[in-house]
Amino acid sequence: MLPDAAGCTHGSLPTTVKGKAPEQGCVYLVGAGPGDPELLTLRAVRLLQKADVIVYDQLVSPGIFDLVPSTVERIDAGKRRNEHTLRQEQINALLVQLGQAGKQVVRLKGGDPFIFGRGGEELQALAAHGVAFEVVPGVTAASGVSAYAGIPLTHRHFAQRCLFVTGHLQDGTADLDWPSLVRTQQTVVIYMGLTGLPDICRQMMAHGAAPHWPIAVVQDGSLATQKVITGTLLDMADRVAQAGLQSPCLIIIGEVVGLHQELAWFEAGQVR
């Protein structure tokens, strides 16, 4: 069965005859989750095991590749701050090329591909060239990392709203809607904000947030190397610098951070 207009065929991937590519290529935009391979969806695992080629980003946990057969081609398209293995335009062109060549492609992204993952941009390129595609959601870093850190994003007493924002915009600035971020009774989750953390804390206090407002920074969430640093807007930049945290990190701001000590269930390095 060939894909319909909406995307790839659901169910089993097309069978590849030795020496001959499938009639119809397809790109599967797959979320790899926050890091722990056990948080992958069943469909994600099945696609990883049957793909012709995997195009992956830096935030994909190395442990996930233990699930991938050695015969599957792997292409590193990793993007780090100011250091891109491939530019976004090159990634788009690569996916189009592979799809048009009849390949079954897994485009593997950390977290969820539709939450600060540029998934929409890549699908626009595929759609413009008539390449079939499918989206397989993943556990986004906000929910996965906060869960492993023991910090609920919402709570009846502390937070009735939750905002996801990125601390690294396209033009390299972090010019956020600060008044919306300093409201009480909400949780703010900032992706890609480690470099701008001192400025984020200063801006939030300048726009009315109390200096003692709780904040957490989580490195390597859901992995054995996970580190959780908690503090306040006033002292968090110094705490993170002293701890030597490095990307990838997630920032969580709000009263729910105060629940970390009570609800923390995942100890870094433990065997599960």
C-alpha atoms as a PDB file:
ATOM      1  CA  MET A   1       0.000   0.000   0.000  1.00  0.00           C
ATOM      2  CA  LEU A   2       1.426   3.396  -1.002  1.00  0.00           C
ATOM      3  CA  PRO A   3       1.123   6.517   1.127  1.00  0.00           C
ATOM      4  CA  ASP A   4      -1.953   8.647   0.658  1.00  0.00           C
ATOM      5  CA  ALA A   5      -1.819  12.401   0.246  1.00  0.00           C
ATOM      6  CA  ALA A   6      -1.595  12.940   4.002  1.00  0.00           C
ATOM      7  CA  GLY A   7       1.708  11.135   4.445  1.00  0.00           C
ATOM      8  CA  CYS A   8       3.416   7.785   4.634  1.00  0.00           C
ATOM      9  CA  THR A   9       1.780   4.401   4.864  1.00  0.00           C
ATOM     10  CA  HIS A  10       0.840   3.469   8.398  1.00  0.00           C
ATOM     11  CA  GLY A  11       1.740   0.000   9.572  1.00  0.00           C
ATOM     12  CA  SER A  12       4.772  -1.829   8.171  1.00  0.00           C
ATOM     13  CA  LEU A  13       7.350  -0.007   6.121  1.00  0.00           C
ATOM     14  CA  PRO A  14       7.552  -0.923   2.428  1.00  0.00           C
ATOM     15  CA  THR A  15       9.673  -4.008   1.799  1.00  0.00           C
ATOM     16  CA  THR A  16      12.964  -3.269   0.096  1.00  0.00           C
ATOM     17  CA  VAL A  17      13.919  -5.695  -2.640  1.00  0.00           C
ATOM     18  CA  LYS A  18      17.645  -6.351  -2.627  1.00  0.00           C
ATOM     19  CA  GLY A  19      19.343  -3.915  -4.965  1.00  0.00           C
ATOM     20  CA  LYS A  20      16.170  -1.951  -5.621  1.00  0.00           C
ATOM     21  CA  ALA A  21      14.731   0.987  -3.652  1.00  0.00           C
ATOM     22  CA  PRO A  22      11.032   1.159  -2.719  1.00  0.00           C
ATOM     23  CA  GLU A  23       8.819   2.887  -5.251  1.00  0.00           C
ATOM     24  CA  GLN A  24       7.924   5.641  -2.796  1.00  0.00           C
ATOM     25  CA  GLY A  25      10.326   7.308  -0.415  1.00  0.00           C
ATOM     26  CA  CYS A  26       9.139   8.779   2.855  1.00  0.00           C
ATOM     27  CA  VAL A  27      10.540  10.918   5.650  1.00  0.00           C
ATOM     28  CA  TYR A  28       9.440  10.099   9.203  1.00  0.00           C
ATOM     29  CA  LEU A  29       9.893  13.066  11.540  1.00  0.00           C
ATOM     30  CA  VAL A  30      10.461  11.281  14.850  1.00  0.00           C
ATOM     31  CA  GLY A  31      10.774  12.684  18.365  1.00  0.00           C
ATOM     32  CA  ALA A  32      13.517  10.973  20.370  1.00  0.00           C
ATOM     33  CA  GLY A  33      12.356  12.249  23.752  1.00  0.00           C
ATOM     34  CA  PRO A  34      14.527  13.916  26.420  1.00  0.00           C
ATOM     35  CA  GLY A  35      17.241  11.255  26.501  1.00  0.00           C
ATOM     36  CA  ASP A  36      16.219   8.014  28.200  1.00  0.00           C
ATOM     37  CA  PRO A  37      15.699   5.489  25.355  1.00  0.00           C
ATOM     38  CA  GLU A  38      12.829   3.889  27.277  1.00  0.00           C
ATOM     39  CA  LEU A  39      10.786   7.039  26.714  1.00  0.00           C
ATOM     40  CA  LEU A  40      10.655   6.425  22.950  1.00  0.00           C
ATOM     41  CA  THR A  41       7.262   5.534  21.513  1.00  0.00           C
ATOM     42  CA  LEU A  42       6.747   2.024  20.142  1.00  0.00           C
ATOM     43  CA  ARG A  43       6.314   3.452  16.644  1.00  0.00           C
ATOM     44  CA  ALA A  44       9.583   5.370  16.944  1.00  0.00           C
ATOM     45  CA  VAL A  45      11.461   2.175  17.859  1.00  0.00           C
ATOM     46  CA  ARG A  46       9.916   0.245  14.977  1.00  0.00           C
ATOM     47  CA  LEU A  47      10.814   2.945  12.473  1.00  0.00           C
ATOM     48  CA  LEU A  48      14.387   3.165  13.766  1.00  0.00           C
ATOM     49  CA  GLN A  49      14.812  -0.559  13.254  1.00  0.00           C
ATOM     50  CA  LYS A  50      13.455  -0.590   9.695  1.00  0.00           C
ATOM     51  CA  ALA A  51      14.750   2.679   8.246  1.00  0.00           C
ATOM     52  CA  ASP A  52      17.221   2.936   5.369  1.00  0.00           C
ATOM     53  CA  VAL A  53      18.864   6.037   6.815  1.00  0.00           C
ATOM     54  CA  ILE A  54      18.662   8.107  10.016  1.00  0.00           C
ATOM     55  CA  VAL A  55      19.386  11.839   9.981  1.00  0.00           C
ATOM     56  CA  TYR A  56      19.892  12.840  13.605  1.00  0.00           C
ATOM     57  CA  ASP A  57      20.570  15.914  15.755  1.00  0.00           C
ATOM     58  CA  GLN A  58      23.007  16.528  18.596  1.00  0.00           C
ATOM     59  CA  LEU A  59      20.338  16.236  21.293  1.00  0.00           C
ATOM     60  CA  VAL A  60      19.589  12.599  20.453  1.00  0.00           C
ATOM     61  CA  SER A  61      20.905  10.406  23.286  1.00  0.00           C
ATOM     62  CA  PRO A  62      23.672   7.986  22.195  1.00  0.00           C
ATOM     63  CA  GLY A  63      21.835   5.163  23.979  1.00  0.00           C
ATOM     64  CA  ILE A  64      19.029   5.373  21.445  1.00  0.00           C
ATOM     65  CA  PHE A  65      21.372   4.119  18.736  1.00  0.00           C
ATOM     66  CA  ASP A  66      21.693   0.813  20.589  1.00  0.00           C
ATOM     67  CA  LEU A  67      18.235   0.109  19.169  1.00  0.00           C
ATOM     68  CA  VAL A  68      19.345   0.759  15.585  1.00  0.00           C
ATOM     69  CA  PRO A  69      20.731  -2.076  13.399  1.00  0.00           C
ATOM     70  CA  SER A  70      24.331  -1.550  12.312  1.00  0.00           C
ATOM     71  CA  THR A  71      23.246  -1.744   8.664  1.00  0.00           C
ATOM     72  CA  VAL A  72      21.223   1.479   8.892  1.00  0.00           C
ATOM     73  CA  GLU A  73      23.030   4.514   7.472  1.00  0.00           C
ATOM     74  CA  ARG A  74      23.451   7.356   9.975  1.00  0.00           C
ATOM     75  CA  ILE A  75      23.957  11.009   9.067  1.00  0.00           C
ATOM     76  CA  ASP A  76      24.942  13.520  11.747  1.00  0.00           C
ATOM     77  CA  ALA A  77      23.090  16.788  11.181  1.00  0.00           C
ATOM     78  CA  GLY A  78      23.797  18.003  14.700  1.00  0.00           C
ATOM     79  CA  LYS A  79      23.334  21.656  15.549  1.00  0.00           C
ATOM     80  CA  ARG A  80      25.219  23.226  18.433  1.00  0.00           C
ATOM     81  CA  ARG A  81      25.252  26.880  19.371  1.00  0.00           C
ATOM     82  CA  ASN A  82      27.164  28.704  16.605  1.00  0.00           C
ATOM     83  CA  GLU A  83      28.463  25.356  15.302  1.00  0.00           C
ATOM     84  CA  HIS A  84      26.318  23.560  12.737  1.00  0.00           C
ATOM     85  CA  THR A  85      27.383  20.304  11.116  1.00  0.00           C
ATOM     86  CA  LEU A  86      24.795  21.131   8.462  1.00  0.00           C
ATOM     87  CA  ARG A  87      22.902  24.389   8.089  1.00  0.00           C
ATOM     88  CA  GLN A  88      19.127  24.137   8.239  1.00  0.00           C
ATOM     89  CA  GLU A  89      18.837  24.768   4.491  1.00  0.00           C
ATOM     90  CA  GLN A  90      21.257  21.892   3.858  1.00  0.00           C
ATOM     91  CA  ILE A  91      19.273  19.584   6.115  1.00  0.00           C
ATOM     92  CA  ASN A  92      16.070  20.453   4.272  1.00  0.00           C
ATOM     93  CA  ALA A  93      17.730  19.737   0.917  1.00  0.00           C
ATOM     94  CA  LEU A  94      19.182  16.453   2.210  1.00  0.00           C
ATOM     95  CA  LEU A  95      15.792  15.201   3.391  1.00  0.00           C
ATOM     96  CA  VAL A  96      14.223  16.079   0.049  1.00  0.00           C
ATOM     97  CA  GLN A  97      17.032  14.320  -1.809  1.00  0.00           C
ATOM     98  CA  LEU A  98      16.769  11.145   0.265  1.00  0.00           C
ATOM     99  CA  GLY A  99      12.979  11.038  -0.005  1.00  0.00           C
ATOM    100  CA  GLN A 100      13.045  11.540  -3.757  1.00  0.00           C
ATOM    101  CA  ALA A 101      15.604   8.731  -4.031  1.00  0.00           C
ATOM    102  CA  GLY A 102      13.040   6.322  -2.574  1.00  0.00           C
ATOM    103  CA  LYS A 103      14.634   6.052   0.849  1.00  0.00           C
ATOM    104  CA  GLN A 104      12.758   5.372   4.071  1.00  0.00           C
ATOM    105  CA  VAL A 105      14.220   8.154   6.216  1.00  0.00           C
ATOM    106  CA  VAL A 106      13.940   8.727   9.950  1.00  0.00           C
ATOM    107  CA  ARG A 107      14.603  12.369  10.772  1.00  0.00           C
ATOM    108  CA  LEU A 108      15.408  11.956  14.467  1.00  0.00           C
ATOM    109  CA  LYS A 109      15.155  14.947  16.802  1.00  0.00           C
ATOM    110  CA  GLY A 110      15.561  15.264  20.553  1.00  0.00           C
ATOM    111  CA  GLY A 111      12.343  15.843  22.482  1.00  0.00           C
ATOM    112  CA  ASP A 112       9.330  16.509  20.278  1.00  0.00           C
ATOM    113  CA  PRO A 113       9.956  17.704  16.698  1.00  0.00           C
ATOM    114  CA  PHE A 114       7.159  20.271  16.802  1.00  0.00           C
ATOM    115  CA  ILE A 115       8.350  22.032  19.979  1.00  0.00           C
ATOM    116  CA  PHE A 116      11.381  24.214  19.173  1.00  0.00           C
ATOM    117  CA  GLY A 117      12.647  21.457  16.879  1.00  0.00           C
ATOM    118  CA  ARG A 118      12.240  23.163  13.486  1.00  0.00           C
ATOM    119  CA  GLY A 119      10.093  20.240  12.442  1.00  0.00           C
ATOM    120  CA  GLY A 120       7.564  22.484  10.768  1.00  0.00           C
ATOM    121  CA  GLU A 121      10.246  24.089   8.597  1.00  0.00           C
ATOM    122  CA  GLU A 122      11.527  20.723   7.425  1.00  0.00           C
ATOM    123  CA  LEU A 123       8.064  19.442   6.587  1.00  0.00           C
ATOM    124  CA  GLN A 124       7.364  22.596   4.576  1.00  0.00           C
ATOM    125  CA  ALA A 125      10.398  21.804   2.432  1.00  0.00           C
ATOM    126  CA  LEU A 126       9.242  18.206   1.932  1.00  0.00           C
ATOM    127  CA  ALA A 127       5.707  19.283   1.085  1.00  0.00           C
ATOM    128  CA  ALA A 128       6.987  21.808  -1.450  1.00  0.00           C
ATOM    129  CA  HIS A 129       8.813  19.003  -3.275  1.00  0.00           C
ATOM    130  CA  GLY A 130       6.043  16.412  -3.028  1.00  0.00           C
ATOM    131  CA  VAL A 131       7.910  14.104  -0.641  1.00  0.00           C
ATOM    132  CA  ALA A 132       5.663  12.016   1.613  1.00  0.00           C
ATOM    133  CA  PHE A 133       6.128  12.420   5.352  1.00  0.00           C
ATOM    134  CA  GLU A 134       4.763  11.394   8.731  1.00  0.00           C
ATOM    135  CA  VAL A 135       5.197  12.878  12.217  1.00  0.00           C
ATOM    136  CA  VAL A 136       5.853  10.662  15.241  1.00  0.00           C
ATOM    137  CA  PRO A 137       5.577  12.802  18.409  1.00  0.00           C
ATOM    138  CA  GLY A 138       8.106  12.488  21.195  1.00  0.00           C
ATOM    139  CA  VAL A 139       8.166  13.331  24.900  1.00  0.00           C
ATOM    140  CA  THR A 140       9.184  16.980  24.887  1.00  0.00           C
ATOM    141  CA  ALA A 141      11.988  18.095  27.182  1.00  0.00           C
ATOM    142  CA  ALA A 142       9.638  20.228  29.270  1.00  0.00           C
ATOM    143  CA  SER A 143       7.525  17.301  30.430  1.00  0.00           C
ATOM    144  CA  GLY A 144      10.229  14.627  30.398  1.00  0.00           C
ATOM    145  CA  VAL A 145      12.944  16.578  32.161  1.00  0.00           C
ATOM    146  CA  SER A 146      10.605  18.115  34.729  1.00  0.00           C
ATOM    147  CA  ALA A 147       9.204  14.672  35.546  1.00  0.00           C
ATOM    148  CA  TYR A 148      12.673  13.204  36.126  1.00  0.00           C
ATOM    149  CA  ALA A 149      13.573  16.251  38.234  1.00  0.00           C
ATOM    150  CA  GLY A 150      10.480  15.848  40.414  1.00  0.00           C
ATOM    151  CA  ILE A 151       9.069  19.233  39.395  1.00  0.00           C
ATOM    152  CA  PRO A 152       5.408  19.145  38.278  1.00  0.00           C
ATOM    153  CA  LEU A 153       4.710  21.760  35.640  1.00  0.00           C
ATOM    154  CA  THR A 154       1.230  22.450  36.994  1.00  0.00           C
ATOM    155  CA  HIS A 155      -0.181  22.227  40.498  1.00  0.00           C
ATOM    156  CA  ARG A 156      -3.540  23.339  41.853  1.00  0.00           C
ATOM    157  CA  HIS A 157      -1.912  25.487  44.542  1.00  0.00           C
ATOM    158  CA  PHE A 158       1.061  26.893  42.653  1.00  0.00           C
ATOM    159  CA  ALA A 159       0.601  26.954  38.875  1.00  0.00           C
ATOM    160  CA  GLN A 160      -2.484  26.948  36.697  1.00  0.00           C
ATOM    161  CA  ARG A 161      -0.579  27.916  33.544  1.00  0.00           C
ATOM    162  CA  CYS A 162       2.599  26.730  31.866  1.00  0.00           C
ATOM    163  CA  LEU A 163       4.583  28.614  29.211  1.00  0.00           C
ATOM    164  CA  PHE A 164       7.198  27.088  26.896  1.00  0.00           C
ATOM    165  CA  VAL A 165       9.648  29.614  25.442  1.00  0.00           C
ATOM    166  CA  THR A 166      13.038  29.468  23.771  1.00  0.00           C
ATOM    167  CA  GLY A 167      15.947  31.466  25.098  1.00  0.00           C
ATOM    168  CA  HIS A 168      17.737  31.412  21.744  1.00  0.00           C
ATOM    169  CA  LEU A 169      15.875  33.164  18.950  1.00  0.00           C
ATOM    170  CA  GLN A 170      16.695  33.099  15.252  1.00  0.00           C
ATOM    171  CA  ASP A 171      18.641  36.348  15.400  1.00  0.00           C
ATOM    172  CA  GLY A 172      20.651  35.214  18.438  1.00  0.00           C
ATOM    173  CA  THR A 173      18.857  37.422  20.977  1.00  0.00           C
ATOM    174  CA  ALA A 174      16.682  36.542  23.958  1.00  0.00           C
ATOM    175  CA  ASP A 175      14.268  39.461  23.651  1.00  0.00           C
ATOM    176  CA  LEU A 176      11.302  37.702  25.228  1.00  0.00           C
ATOM    177  CA  ASP A 177       7.865  38.931  26.285  1.00  0.00           C
ATOM    178  CA  TRP A 178       9.079  39.574  29.821  1.00  0.00           C
ATOM    179  CA  PRO A 179       5.782  40.884  31.300  1.00  0.00           C
ATOM    180  CA  SER A 180       4.078  37.588  30.361  1.00  0.00           C
ATOM    181  CA  LEU A 181       6.843  35.582  32.029  1.00  0.00           C
ATOM    182  CA  VAL A 182       6.642  37.213  35.453  1.00  0.00           C
ATOM    183  CA  ARG A 183       3.011  36.474  36.223  1.00  0.00           C
ATOM    184  CA  THR A 184       2.268  34.512  39.379  1.00  0.00           C
ATOM    185  CA  GLN A 185       0.550  31.135  39.493  1.00  0.00           C
ATOM    186  CA  GLN A 186       2.366  29.865  36.420  1.00  0.00           C
ATOM    187  CA  THR A 187       5.423  27.847  35.415  1.00  0.00           C
ATOM    188  CA  VAL A 188       7.850  29.064  32.763  1.00  0.00           C
ATOM    189  CA  VAL A 189      10.015  26.530  30.919  1.00  0.00           C
ATOM    190  CA  ILE A 190      12.883  27.939  28.874  1.00  0.00           C
ATOM    191  CA  TYR A 191      14.578  25.835  26.235  1.00  0.00           C
ATOM    192  CA  MET A 192      18.125  26.657  25.061  1.00  0.00           C
ATOM    193  CA  GLY A 193      18.563  29.343  27.698  1.00  0.00           C
ATOM    194  CA  LEU A 194      21.757  28.359  29.499  1.00  0.00           C
ATOM    195  CA  THR A 195      24.022  30.906  27.795  1.00  0.00           C
ATOM    196  CA  GLY A 196      21.524  33.694  28.410  1.00  0.00           C
ATOM    197  CA  LEU A 197      20.680  32.672  31.986  1.00  0.00           C
ATOM    198  CA  PRO A 198      22.230  35.723  33.726  1.00  0.00           C
ATOM    199  CA  ASP A 199      20.333  38.079  31.425  1.00  0.00           C
ATOM    200  CA  ILE A 200      17.113  36.077  31.785  1.00  0.00           C
ATOM    201  CA  CYS A 201      17.273  36.354  35.582  1.00  0.00           C
ATOM    202  CA  ARG A 202      18.059  40.082  35.425  1.00  0.00           C
ATOM    203  CA  GLN A 203      15.272  40.805  32.958  1.00  0.00           C
ATOM    204  CA  MET A 204      12.675  38.909  34.959  1.00  0.00           C
ATOM    205  CA  MET A 205      13.553  40.790  38.129  1.00  0.00           C
ATOM    206  CA  ALA A 206      13.608  44.097  36.220  1.00  0.00           C
ATOM    207  CA  HIS A 207      10.061  43.352  35.019  1.00  0.00           C
ATOM    208  CA  GLY A 208       8.661  42.682  38.476  1.00  0.00           C
ATOM    209  CA  ALA A 209       9.576  39.115  39.457  1.00  0.00           C
ATOM    210  CA  ALA A 210      10.639  38.752  43.089  1.00  0.00           C
ATOM    211  CA  PRO A 211      14.388  38.079  43.532  1.00  0.00           C
ATOM    212  CA  HIS A 212      13.550  35.011  45.666  1.00  0.00           C
ATOM    213  CA  TRP A 213      11.428  33.479  42.871  1.00  0.00           C
ATOM    214  CA  PRO A 214      12.373  29.744  42.610  1.00  0.00           C
ATOM    215  CA  ILE A 215      14.258  28.510  39.557  1.00  0.00           C
ATOM    216  CA  ALA A 216      15.834  25.208  38.545  1.00  0.00           C
ATOM    217  CA  VAL A 217      18.319  24.347  35.831  1.00  0.00           C
ATOM    218  CA  VAL A 218      18.478  20.697  34.771  1.00  0.00           C
ATOM    219  CA  GLN A 219      21.359  19.268  32.757  1.00  0.00           C
ATOM    220  CA  ASP A 220      21.042  15.935  30.887  1.00  0.00           C
ATOM    221  CA  GLY A 221      17.489  15.392  32.097  1.00  0.00           C
ATOM    222  CA  SER A 222      16.386  11.727  32.309  1.00  0.00           C
ATOM    223  CA  LEU A 223      19.946  10.414  31.820  1.00  0.00           C
ATOM    224  CA  ALA A 224      22.327   8.895  34.354  1.00  0.00           C
ATOM    225  CA  THR A 225      24.344  12.127  34.173  1.00  0.00           C
ATOM    226  CA  GLN A 226      21.363  14.295  35.178  1.00  0.00           C
ATOM    227  CA  LYS A 227      22.131  17.283  37.416  1.00  0.00           C
ATOM    228  CA  VAL A 228      19.517  19.510  39.054  1.00  0.00           C
ATOM    229  CA  ILE A 229      20.509  22.889  40.462  1.00  0.00           C
ATOM    230  CA  THR A 230      17.871  24.917  42.302  1.00  0.00           C
ATOM    231  CA  GLY A 231      17.988  28.451  43.616  1.00  0.00           C
ATOM    232  CA  THR A 232      16.445  31.852  43.058  1.00  0.00           C
ATOM    233  CA  LEU A 233      16.504  34.442  40.301  1.00  0.00           C
ATOM    234  CA  LEU A 234      18.980  36.378  42.422  1.00  0.00           C
ATOM    235  CA  ASP A 235      21.589  33.652  42.863  1.00  0.00           C
ATOM    236  CA  MET A 236      20.978  31.079  40.120  1.00  0.00           C
ATOM    237  CA  ALA A 237      23.524  32.389  37.613  1.00  0.00           C
ATOM    238  CA  ASP A 238      26.285  32.057  40.224  1.00  0.00           C
ATOM    239  CA  ARG A 239      25.081  28.598  41.294  1.00  0.00           C
ATOM    240  CA  VAL A 240      25.087  27.300  37.709  1.00  0.00           C
ATOM    241  CA  ALA A 241      28.543  28.752  37.046  1.00  0.00           C
ATOM    242  CA  GLN A 242      29.912  27.123  40.198  1.00  0.00           C
ATOM    243  CA  ALA A 243      28.362  23.774  39.236  1.00  0.00           C
ATOM    244  CA  GLY A 244      29.853  24.005  35.751  1.00  0.00           C
ATOM    245  CA  LEU A 245      26.649  23.029  33.982  1.00  0.00           C
ATOM    246  CA  GLN A 246      26.794  22.603  30.219  1.00  0.00           C
ATOM    247  CA  SER A 247      24.204  22.213  27.479  1.00  0.00           C
ATOM    248  CA  PRO A 248      21.786  20.610  27.050  1.00  0.00           C
ATOM    249  CA  CYS A 249      19.989  22.245  29.951  1.00  0.00           C
ATOM    250  CA  LEU A 250      16.384  23.163  30.646  1.00  0.00           C
ATOM    251  CA  ILE A 251      15.329  26.088  32.841  1.00  0.00           C
ATOM    252  CA  ILE A 252      12.181  25.856  34.982  1.00  0.00           C
ATOM    253  CA  ILE A 253      10.896  28.935  36.821  1.00  0.00           C
ATOM    254  CA  GLY A 254       8.005  29.106  39.286  1.00  0.00           C
ATOM    255  CA  GLU A 255       6.798  28.029  42.708  1.00  0.00           C
ATOM    256  CA  VAL A 256       6.584  24.390  41.588  1.00  0.00           C
ATOM    257  CA  VAL A 257      10.389  24.286  41.754  1.00  0.00           C
ATOM    258  CA  GLY A 258       9.983  24.286  45.528  1.00  0.00           C
ATOM    259  CA  LEU A 259       8.575  20.767  45.286  1.00  0.00           C
ATOM    260  CA  HIS A 260      11.798  19.325  43.886  1.00  0.00           C
ATOM    261  CA  GLN A 261      13.272  18.103  47.170  1.00  0.00           C
ATOM    262  CA  GLU A 262      10.026  16.424  48.206  1.00  0.00           C
ATOM    263  CA  LEU A 263       9.196  14.802  44.854  1.00  0.00           C
ATOM    264  CA  ALA A 264      12.624  13.987  43.397  1.00  0.00           C
ATOM    265  CA  TRP A 265      12.505  10.257  42.635  1.00  0.00           C
ATOM    266  CA  PHE A 266      15.261   9.847  40.055  1.00  0.00           C
ATOM    267  CA  GLU A 267      18.796   9.727  41.383  1.00  0.00           C
ATOM    268  CA  ALA A 268      21.538  10.354  38.881  1.00  0.00           C
ATOM    269  CA  GLY A 269      23.513   7.231  38.088  1.00  0.00           C
ATOM    270  CA  GLN A 270      20.990   4.790  39.540  1.00  0.00           C
ATOM    271  CA  VAL A 271      20.366   1.516  37.745  1.00  0.00           C
ATOM    272  CA  ARG A 272      16.739   0.961  36.835  1.00  0.00           C
END
